[in-house]
Amino acid sequence: MAATRAGASRRAVSAILITCFTVATAQTVGAQSQTSTQPASAVGASQTAAAGAADGAALAEVRPTRGRFATGLVAALFTGPFGPAIGYPLIRPDALTAETLKTLESKSPEYQRGFKTGWDKKTQARKRKAFLVGGAVGFLTLMVIFGAASER
């Protein structure tokens, strides 16, 4: 009976690790498959704050989360739910790239403010989501490890 429990625990840990790898790979591939780096209105004539916010969010959508999944995973593995809970509010939006700033110079100040707002909200939201998913997977892995250890 103990051998069956140990085998089940190993399969559960393996399944969680495979899931982590699959999610991390899917996020990387999804970010690389997006090839457009120009905002939708970069060529258009719309100079409103709403158009800027939409363009900023669209451009931020293709930006990678820069390892936030792995950071959440490691934080949860070492601290349980406390690491992700503490780290979540500390995640900040990405800075605009020099290329994007150069493109925005020709836009109206209203459009630039909207773009920055849309960019900040979307990059921060994507990074936080990846961090929380990593934290959840890490915490579940930790629980399975503790469960397997307590069965012995």
Protein backbone atom coordinates (compact mmCIF):
# COMPACT_ATOMS: atom_id res chain seq x y z
CA MET A 1 0.00 0.00 0.00
CA ALA A 2 2.88 2.38 0.83
CA ALA A 3 4.47 1.66 -2.57
CA THR A 4 1.21 2.64 -4.28
CA ARG A 5 1.10 5.95 -2.37
CA ALA A 6 4.72 6.72 -3.20
CA GLY A 7 4.08 5.95 -6.89
CA ALA A 8 0.99 8.16 -6.89
CA SER A 9 2.94 10.98 -5.24
CA ARG A 10 5.70 10.70 -7.83
CA ARG A 11 3.16 10.80 -10.64
CA ALA A 12 1.50 13.87 -9.11
CA VAL A 13 4.83 15.70 -8.78
CA SER A 14 5.73 14.71 -12.35
CA ALA A 15 2.38 15.95 -13.63
CA ILE A 16 2.82 19.29 -11.87
CA LEU A 17 6.35 19.75 -13.20
CA ILE A 18 5.21 18.88 -16.74
CA THR A 19 2.37 21.38 -16.39
CA CYS A 20 4.81 24.08 -15.25
CA PHE A 21 7.07 23.40 -18.22
CA THR A 22 4.13 23.40 -20.64
CA VAL A 23 2.72 26.69 -19.33
CA ALA A 24 6.12 28.40 -19.38
CA THR A 25 6.81 27.14 -22.91
CA ALA A 26 3.37 28.21 -24.15
CA GLN A 27 3.86 31.71 -22.74
CA THR A 28 7.26 32.01 -24.43
CA VAL A 29 6.02 30.72 -27.77
CA GLY A 30 2.94 32.94 -27.62
CA ALA A 31 5.07 36.01 -26.99
CA GLN A 32 7.45 35.13 -29.82
CA SER A 33 4.69 34.43 -32.34
CA GLN A 34 3.54 38.05 -32.21
CA THR A 35 5.59 39.94 -34.78
CA SER A 36 3.96 43.35 -34.84
CA THR A 37 5.88 45.94 -32.86
CA GLN A 38 4.05 49.01 -34.15
CA PRO A 39 0.92 50.26 -32.43
CA ALA A 40 -2.28 50.04 -34.46
CA SER A 41 -2.63 53.82 -34.71
CA ALA A 42 1.04 54.50 -35.44
CA VAL A 43 0.11 54.99 -39.06
CA GLY A 44 -3.43 56.24 -38.44
CA ALA A 45 -4.54 59.79 -37.77
CA SER A 46 -6.26 59.21 -34.41
CA GLN A 47 -4.60 61.32 -31.70
CA THR A 48 -7.02 60.83 -28.78
CA ALA A 49 -6.18 59.48 -25.33
CA ALA A 50 -8.50 56.52 -25.92
CA ALA A 51 -6.68 55.61 -29.13
CA GLY A 52 -3.36 55.96 -27.30
CA ALA A 53 -4.53 53.72 -24.46
CA ALA A 54 -5.74 51.08 -26.91
CA ASP A 55 -2.45 51.19 -28.81
CA GLY A 56 -0.41 51.05 -25.62
CA ALA A 57 -2.35 48.02 -24.39
CA ALA A 58 -2.06 46.31 -27.79
CA LEU A 59 1.70 46.80 -27.90
CA ALA A 60 2.06 45.62 -24.29
CA GLU A 61 0.10 42.46 -25.12
CA VAL A 62 3.00 41.11 -27.18
CA ARG A 63 5.63 42.00 -24.58
CA PRO A 64 7.05 39.00 -22.68
CA THR A 65 6.49 38.83 -18.93
CA ARG A 66 10.23 38.42 -18.34
CA GLY A 67 10.31 35.37 -16.10
CA ARG A 68 7.53 36.35 -13.74
CA PHE A 69 6.05 32.83 -13.92
CA ALA A 70 9.36 31.32 -12.76
CA THR A 71 9.73 33.99 -10.07
CA GLY A 72 6.28 33.18 -8.67
CA LEU A 73 7.01 29.46 -8.85
CA VAL A 74 10.28 29.77 -6.92
CA ALA A 75 8.78 32.20 -4.40
CA ALA A 76 5.97 29.77 -3.61
CA LEU A 77 8.27 26.76 -3.42
CA PHE A 78 10.42 28.45 -0.77
CA THR A 79 7.84 30.48 1.16
CA GLY A 80 4.48 28.87 0.47
CA PRO A 81 1.71 31.37 -0.23
CA PHE A 82 3.55 34.19 1.57
CA GLY A 83 6.12 34.92 -1.16
CA PRO A 84 3.58 35.45 -3.95
CA ALA A 85 1.33 37.43 -1.59
CA ILE A 86 4.19 39.79 -0.74
CA GLY A 87 5.60 39.94 -4.26
CA TYR A 88 2.32 40.66 -6.08
CA PRO A 89 2.01 44.35 -5.14
CA LEU A 90 5.73 44.89 -5.80
CA ILE A 91 5.42 44.12 -9.52
CA ARG A 92 5.64 47.29 -11.58
CA PRO A 93 4.95 47.99 -15.26
CA ASP A 94 7.73 47.82 -17.84
CA ALA A 95 9.37 51.00 -19.04
CA LEU A 96 8.68 52.10 -22.59
CA THR A 97 11.38 51.17 -25.10
CA ALA A 98 13.47 53.85 -26.79
CA GLU A 99 11.97 52.90 -30.15
CA THR A 100 8.45 53.39 -28.83
CA LEU A 101 9.32 56.71 -27.22
CA LYS A 102 10.77 57.92 -30.51
CA THR A 103 7.56 56.92 -32.32
CA LEU A 104 5.46 58.74 -29.72
CA GLU A 105 7.33 62.04 -30.17
CA SER A 106 5.24 62.87 -33.24
CA LYS A 107 1.95 62.22 -31.41
CA SER A 108 -0.15 64.64 -29.40
CA PRO A 109 0.42 64.91 -25.63
CA GLU A 110 -3.07 63.51 -25.05
CA TYR A 111 -2.28 60.43 -27.15
CA GLN A 112 1.08 60.00 -25.35
CA ARG A 113 -0.59 60.08 -21.92
CA GLY A 114 -3.19 57.56 -23.05
CA PHE A 115 -0.53 55.32 -24.58
CA LYS A 116 1.53 55.36 -21.37
CA THR A 117 -1.54 54.59 -19.26
CA GLY A 118 -2.61 51.68 -21.50
CA TRP A 119 0.96 50.36 -21.63
CA ASP A 120 1.44 50.54 -17.86
CA LYS A 121 -1.86 48.87 -17.01
CA LYS A 122 -1.41 46.03 -19.50
CA THR A 123 2.25 45.23 -18.78
CA GLN A 124 1.64 45.26 -15.04
CA ALA A 125 -1.47 43.09 -15.36
CA ARG A 126 0.30 40.53 -17.56
CA LYS A 127 3.33 40.33 -15.28
CA ARG A 128 1.13 39.98 -12.19
CA LYS A 129 -0.96 37.25 -13.80
CA ALA A 130 2.13 35.25 -14.79
CA PHE A 131 3.54 35.71 -11.27
CA LEU A 132 0.31 34.49 -9.63
CA VAL A 133 0.01 31.48 -11.93
CA GLY A 134 3.61 30.56 -11.13
CA GLY A 135 2.90 31.06 -7.44
CA ALA A 136 -0.18 28.84 -7.60
CA VAL A 137 1.70 26.08 -9.40
CA GLY A 138 4.60 26.39 -6.95
CA PHE A 139 2.30 26.23 -3.95
CA LEU A 140 0.50 23.17 -5.33
CA THR A 141 3.85 21.52 -5.97
CA LEU A 142 4.90 22.31 -2.42
CA MET A 143 1.69 20.78 -1.07
CA VAL A 144 2.21 17.60 -3.09
CA ILE A 145 5.79 17.34 -1.87
CA PHE A 146 4.72 17.79 1.76
CA GLY A 147 1.87 15.32 1.24
CA ALA A 148 4.26 12.74 -0.19
CA ALA A 149 6.71 13.30 2.65
CA SER A 150 4.04 12.94 5.33
CA GLU A 151 2.88 9.61 3.90
CA ARG A 152 6.22 8.02 4.64
